[in-house]
């Protein structure tokens, strides 16, 4: 078979049974961890989780992947303040600004005029925290802060992120 321009594709044969997947050197299976949500000054932040699922993996190519999901049945605070942090994952980000690829689903966050929320792994030796950057048309990008999550509501955050370790 030939494609216009003279390119001939290489078609690989497929095995009849695929019982093991090929791994990169150093790649590990997903490991479980317990995710948490906190902020710069937790004060009286009180969270009752209905779902806490965390999975992490060293991809073996200088990157790690984290799958993070929390849902709350109660979320209250009156003296808490500062930047929101998602914590609990065991693989630290690199010492310099990490390359980040992630997406996030959320509920219970109200930040007027901000429409995009992106998880960012904080850089630094041994740091295992994710912040959430927010942006919107005509808005300066900034960190999600606890004041963006009303007290008395429920919160859902689910994300997947790949970053440099």
C-alpha atoms as a PDB file:
ATOM      1  CA  UNK A   1       0.000   0.000   0.000  1.00  0.00           C
ATOM      2  CA  UNK A   2       1.276   3.483  -0.816  1.00  0.00           C
ATOM      3  CA  UNK A   3      -0.028   6.859   0.291  1.00  0.00           C
ATOM      4  CA  UNK A   4       0.088   9.959  -1.929  1.00  0.00           C
ATOM      5  CA  UNK A   5       3.603  11.364  -1.929  1.00  0.00           C
ATOM      6  CA  UNK A   6       5.268   7.951  -1.865  1.00  0.00           C
ATOM      7  CA  UNK A   7       4.981   7.303   1.860  1.00  0.00           C
ATOM      8  CA  UNK A   8       4.526   3.638   2.673  1.00  0.00           C
ATOM      9  CA  UNK A   9       3.154   3.023   6.166  1.00  0.00           C
ATOM     10  CA  UNK A  10       4.569   0.268   8.320  1.00  0.00           C
ATOM     11  CA  UNK A  11       1.793  -1.937   9.631  1.00  0.00           C
ATOM     12  CA  UNK A  12       2.692  -3.909  12.716  1.00  0.00           C
ATOM     13  CA  UNK A  13       1.229  -7.313  13.338  1.00  0.00           C
ATOM     14  CA  UNK A  14      -0.820  -7.755  16.472  1.00  0.00           C
ATOM     15  CA  UNK A  15      -0.397 -10.520  19.018  1.00  0.00           C
ATOM     16  CA  UNK A  16      -3.280 -12.868  19.613  1.00  0.00           C
ATOM     17  CA  UNK A  17      -3.118 -12.320  23.378  1.00  0.00           C
ATOM     18  CA  UNK A  18      -1.880  -9.264  25.215  1.00  0.00           C
ATOM     19  CA  UNK A  19      -1.374 -10.179  28.835  1.00  0.00           C
ATOM     20  CA  UNK A  20       1.378  -7.737  29.797  1.00  0.00           C
ATOM     21  CA  UNK A  21       1.901  -4.135  28.797  1.00  0.00           C
ATOM     22  CA  UNK A  22       5.345  -2.821  27.982  1.00  0.00           C
ATOM     23  CA  UNK A  23       6.685  -0.439  30.625  1.00  0.00           C
ATOM     24  CA  UNK A  24       9.354   2.200  30.395  1.00  0.00           C
ATOM     25  CA  UNK A  25      12.425   1.669  32.560  1.00  0.00           C
ATOM     26  CA  UNK A  26      11.515   2.957  36.022  1.00  0.00           C
ATOM     27  CA  UNK A  27       7.777   3.091  35.336  1.00  0.00           C
ATOM     28  CA  UNK A  28       5.652   1.909  38.222  1.00  0.00           C
ATOM     29  CA  UNK A  29       2.055   0.819  38.544  1.00  0.00           C
ATOM     30  CA  UNK A  30      -0.401   3.298  40.008  1.00  0.00           C
ATOM     31  CA  UNK A  31      -0.116   3.553  43.788  1.00  0.00           C
ATOM     32  CA  UNK A  32      -2.950   4.674  46.069  1.00  0.00           C
ATOM     33  CA  UNK A  33      -2.779   7.736  48.301  1.00  0.00           C
ATOM     34  CA  UNK A  34      -5.264   9.740  50.391  1.00  0.00           C
ATOM     35  CA  UNK A  35      -5.864  13.208  48.908  1.00  0.00           C
ATOM     36  CA  UNK A  36      -6.754  16.256  50.987  1.00  0.00           C
ATOM     37  CA  UNK A  37      -7.743  19.871  50.452  1.00  0.00           C
ATOM     38  CA  UNK A  38      -6.349  22.637  52.645  1.00  0.00           C
ATOM     39  CA  UNK A  39      -5.319  26.286  52.387  1.00  0.00           C
ATOM     40  CA  UNK A  40      -2.516  28.650  53.412  1.00  0.00           C
ATOM     41  CA  UNK A  41      -4.029  29.361  56.840  1.00  0.00           C
ATOM     42  CA  UNK A  42      -6.546  26.587  57.608  1.00  0.00           C
ATOM     43  CA  UNK A  43      -7.960  28.277  60.729  1.00  0.00           C
ATOM     44  CA  UNK A  44     -11.289  26.542  61.426  1.00  0.00           C
ATOM     45  CA  UNK A  45     -11.545  24.810  58.033  1.00  0.00           C
ATOM     46  CA  UNK A  46     -13.682  21.685  58.555  1.00  0.00           C
ATOM     47  CA  UNK A  47     -14.151  19.153  55.761  1.00  0.00           C
ATOM     48  CA  UNK A  48     -16.138  15.927  55.758  1.00  0.00           C
ATOM     49  CA  UNK A  49     -15.138  13.880  52.716  1.00  0.00           C
ATOM     50  CA  UNK A  50     -17.588  11.570  50.990  1.00  0.00           C
ATOM     51  CA  UNK A  51     -14.995  10.561  48.356  1.00  0.00           C
ATOM     52  CA  UNK A  52     -11.187  10.544  48.536  1.00  0.00           C
ATOM     53  CA  UNK A  53      -9.432   8.724  45.727  1.00  0.00           C
ATOM     54  CA  UNK A  54      -5.801   9.282  44.807  1.00  0.00           C
ATOM     55  CA  UNK A  55      -3.556   7.403  42.393  1.00  0.00           C
ATOM     56  CA  UNK A  56       0.011   8.272  41.427  1.00  0.00           C
ATOM     57  CA  UNK A  57       2.599   6.770  39.114  1.00  0.00           C
ATOM     58  CA  UNK A  58       6.205   7.405  38.188  1.00  0.00           C
ATOM     59  CA  UNK A  59       6.039   7.217  34.388  1.00  0.00           C
ATOM     60  CA  UNK A  60       9.716   6.261  34.063  1.00  0.00           C
ATOM     61  CA  UNK A  61      10.549   9.122  31.694  1.00  0.00           C
ATOM     62  CA  UNK A  62      11.144  11.906  34.214  1.00  0.00           C
ATOM     63  CA  UNK A  63       7.445  12.570  34.675  1.00  0.00           C
ATOM     64  CA  UNK A  64       4.750  11.483  37.098  1.00  0.00           C
ATOM     65  CA  UNK A  65       0.983  11.277  36.758  1.00  0.00           C
ATOM     66  CA  UNK A  66      -1.510  11.946  39.526  1.00  0.00           C
ATOM     67  CA  UNK A  67      -5.235  11.148  39.454  1.00  0.00           C
ATOM     68  CA  UNK A  68      -7.003  13.012  42.244  1.00  0.00           C
ATOM     69  CA  UNK A  69     -10.663  13.002  43.231  1.00  0.00           C
ATOM     70  CA  UNK A  70     -12.421  14.428  46.275  1.00  0.00           C
ATOM     71  CA  UNK A  71     -16.041  15.125  47.102  1.00  0.00           C
ATOM     72  CA  UNK A  72     -17.272  16.649  50.334  1.00  0.00           C
ATOM     73  CA  UNK A  73     -20.529  16.222  52.179  1.00  0.00           C
ATOM     74  CA  UNK A  74     -19.681  19.161  54.455  1.00  0.00           C
ATOM     75  CA  UNK A  75     -17.310  22.078  53.870  1.00  0.00           C
ATOM     76  CA  UNK A  76     -17.240  24.931  56.390  1.00  0.00           C
ATOM     77  CA  UNK A  77     -14.865  27.686  57.408  1.00  0.00           C
ATOM     78  CA  UNK A  78     -14.950  31.218  58.826  1.00  0.00           C
ATOM     79  CA  UNK A  79     -11.324  32.026  59.726  1.00  0.00           C
ATOM     80  CA  UNK A  80      -9.497  30.091  56.961  1.00  0.00           C
ATOM     81  CA  UNK A  81      -7.623  32.146  54.363  1.00  0.00           C
ATOM     82  CA  UNK A  82      -5.110  31.943  51.556  1.00  0.00           C
ATOM     83  CA  UNK A  83      -4.337  29.812  48.545  1.00  0.00           C
ATOM     84  CA  UNK A  84      -6.050  26.414  48.178  1.00  0.00           C
ATOM     85  CA  UNK A  85      -3.694  23.411  48.183  1.00  0.00           C
ATOM     86  CA  UNK A  86      -4.442  19.835  47.137  1.00  0.00           C
ATOM     87  CA  UNK A  87      -2.116  17.544  49.047  1.00  0.00           C
ATOM     88  CA  UNK A  88      -1.337  13.922  49.789  1.00  0.00           C
ATOM     89  CA  UNK A  89       0.356  12.670  46.627  1.00  0.00           C
ATOM     90  CA  UNK A  90       3.734  10.998  47.208  1.00  0.00           C
ATOM     91  CA  UNK A  91       5.787  12.015  44.138  1.00  0.00           C
ATOM     92  CA  UNK A  92       7.328  15.494  44.470  1.00  0.00           C
ATOM     93  CA  UNK A  93       7.506  17.942  41.583  1.00  0.00           C
ATOM     94  CA  UNK A  94      10.853  18.956  40.100  1.00  0.00           C
ATOM     95  CA  UNK A  95      13.059  21.677  41.586  1.00  0.00           C
ATOM     96  CA  UNK A  96      12.351  24.040  38.688  1.00  0.00           C
ATOM     97  CA  UNK A  97       9.014  25.042  37.208  1.00  0.00           C
ATOM     98  CA  UNK A  98       7.485  21.738  36.101  1.00  0.00           C
ATOM     99  CA  UNK A  99       5.871  21.052  32.771  1.00  0.00           C
ATOM    100  CA  UNK A 100       2.222  20.549  33.512  1.00  0.00           C
ATOM    101  CA  UNK A 101      -0.517  18.831  31.565  1.00  0.00           C
ATOM    102  CA  UNK A 102      -3.755  18.578  33.441  1.00  0.00           C
ATOM    103  CA  UNK A 103      -7.469  19.002  33.384  1.00  0.00           C
ATOM    104  CA  UNK A 104      -9.960  19.477  36.168  1.00  0.00           C
ATOM    105  CA  UNK A 105     -13.653  18.986  36.847  1.00  0.00           C
ATOM    106  CA  UNK A 106     -15.110  20.965  39.741  1.00  0.00           C
ATOM    107  CA  UNK A 107     -18.268  21.883  41.603  1.00  0.00           C
ATOM    108  CA  UNK A 108     -18.762  24.331  44.465  1.00  0.00           C
ATOM    109  CA  UNK A 109     -16.201  26.912  43.351  1.00  0.00           C
ATOM    110  CA  UNK A 110     -17.518  30.418  42.747  1.00  0.00           C
ATOM    111  CA  UNK A 111     -15.073  32.905  41.334  1.00  0.00           C
ATOM    112  CA  UNK A 112     -16.896  35.550  39.275  1.00  0.00           C
ATOM    113  CA  UNK A 113     -15.612  36.055  35.709  1.00  0.00           C
ATOM    114  CA  UNK A 114     -13.146  33.148  35.976  1.00  0.00           C
ATOM    115  CA  UNK A 115     -14.032  30.267  33.674  1.00  0.00           C
ATOM    116  CA  UNK A 116     -10.876  28.138  33.446  1.00  0.00           C
ATOM    117  CA  UNK A 117      -9.223  26.311  36.334  1.00  0.00           C
ATOM    118  CA  UNK A 118      -5.897  24.498  35.815  1.00  0.00           C
ATOM    119  CA  UNK A 119      -4.048  22.311  38.345  1.00  0.00           C
ATOM    120  CA  UNK A 120      -0.373  23.243  38.804  1.00  0.00           C
ATOM    121  CA  UNK A 121       2.155  21.124  40.720  1.00  0.00           C
ATOM    122  CA  UNK A 122       4.204  23.467  42.879  1.00  0.00           C
ATOM    123  CA  UNK A 123       7.910  23.283  42.110  1.00  0.00           C
ATOM    124  CA  UNK A 124      10.611  22.808  44.696  1.00  0.00           C
ATOM    125  CA  UNK A 125      12.571  20.036  46.266  1.00  0.00           C
ATOM    126  CA  UNK A 126      10.223  17.644  48.056  1.00  0.00           C
ATOM    127  CA  UNK A 127       7.051  19.691  47.409  1.00  0.00           C
ATOM    128  CA  UNK A 128       3.910  17.582  47.037  1.00  0.00           C
ATOM    129  CA  UNK A 129       1.185  20.182  46.608  1.00  0.00           C
ATOM    130  CA  UNK A 130      -1.072  21.201  43.757  1.00  0.00           C
ATOM    131  CA  UNK A 131      -2.410  24.731  43.461  1.00  0.00           C
ATOM    132  CA  UNK A 132      -5.194  25.698  41.094  1.00  0.00           C
ATOM    133  CA  UNK A 133      -4.711  28.606  38.711  1.00  0.00           C
ATOM    134  CA  UNK A 134      -7.814  30.435  37.558  1.00  0.00           C
ATOM    135  CA  UNK A 135      -8.243  32.647  34.512  1.00  0.00           C
ATOM    136  CA  UNK A 136     -10.981  34.212  32.446  1.00  0.00           C
ATOM    137  CA  UNK A 137     -11.561  36.669  29.635  1.00  0.00           C
ATOM    138  CA  UNK A 138     -10.358  40.103  30.710  1.00  0.00           C
ATOM    139  CA  UNK A 139      -9.064  38.732  34.034  1.00  0.00           C
ATOM    140  CA  UNK A 140      -5.537  38.372  35.342  1.00  0.00           C
ATOM    141  CA  UNK A 141      -4.581  34.778  36.117  1.00  0.00           C
ATOM    142  CA  UNK A 142      -4.356  33.992  39.809  1.00  0.00           C
ATOM    143  CA  UNK A 143      -4.504  31.289  42.435  1.00  0.00           C
ATOM    144  CA  UNK A 144      -7.750  29.766  43.650  1.00  0.00           C
ATOM    145  CA  UNK A 145      -8.196  30.938  47.250  1.00  0.00           C
ATOM    146  CA  UNK A 146     -10.390  29.555  50.001  1.00  0.00           C
ATOM    147  CA  UNK A 147     -12.730  32.568  49.691  1.00  0.00           C
ATOM    148  CA  UNK A 148     -13.627  31.205  46.200  1.00  0.00           C
ATOM    149  CA  UNK A 149     -15.201  28.151  47.865  1.00  0.00           C
ATOM    150  CA  UNK A 150     -18.263  29.194  49.899  1.00  0.00           C
ATOM    151  CA  UNK A 151     -18.604  27.821  53.407  1.00  0.00           C
ATOM    152  CA  UNK A 152     -21.585  25.549  53.911  1.00  0.00           C
ATOM    153  CA  UNK A 153     -21.581  24.054  50.428  1.00  0.00           C
ATOM    154  CA  UNK A 154     -20.171  20.892  48.972  1.00  0.00           C
ATOM    155  CA  UNK A 155     -17.081  20.631  46.819  1.00  0.00           C
ATOM    156  CA  UNK A 156     -16.051  18.217  44.072  1.00  0.00           C
ATOM    157  CA  UNK A 157     -12.590  18.337  42.525  1.00  0.00           C
ATOM    158  CA  UNK A 158     -11.408  15.667  40.112  1.00  0.00           C
ATOM    159  CA  UNK A 159      -8.231  16.032  38.079  1.00  0.00           C
ATOM    160  CA  UNK A 160      -5.482  14.284  36.210  1.00  0.00           C
ATOM    161  CA  UNK A 161      -2.090  15.905  35.878  1.00  0.00           C
ATOM    162  CA  UNK A 162       1.287  14.889  34.440  1.00  0.00           C
ATOM    163  CA  UNK A 163       4.359  16.786  35.603  1.00  0.00           C
ATOM    164  CA  UNK A 164       8.182  16.760  35.655  1.00  0.00           C
ATOM    165  CA  UNK A 165       9.780  15.132  38.685  1.00  0.00           C
END
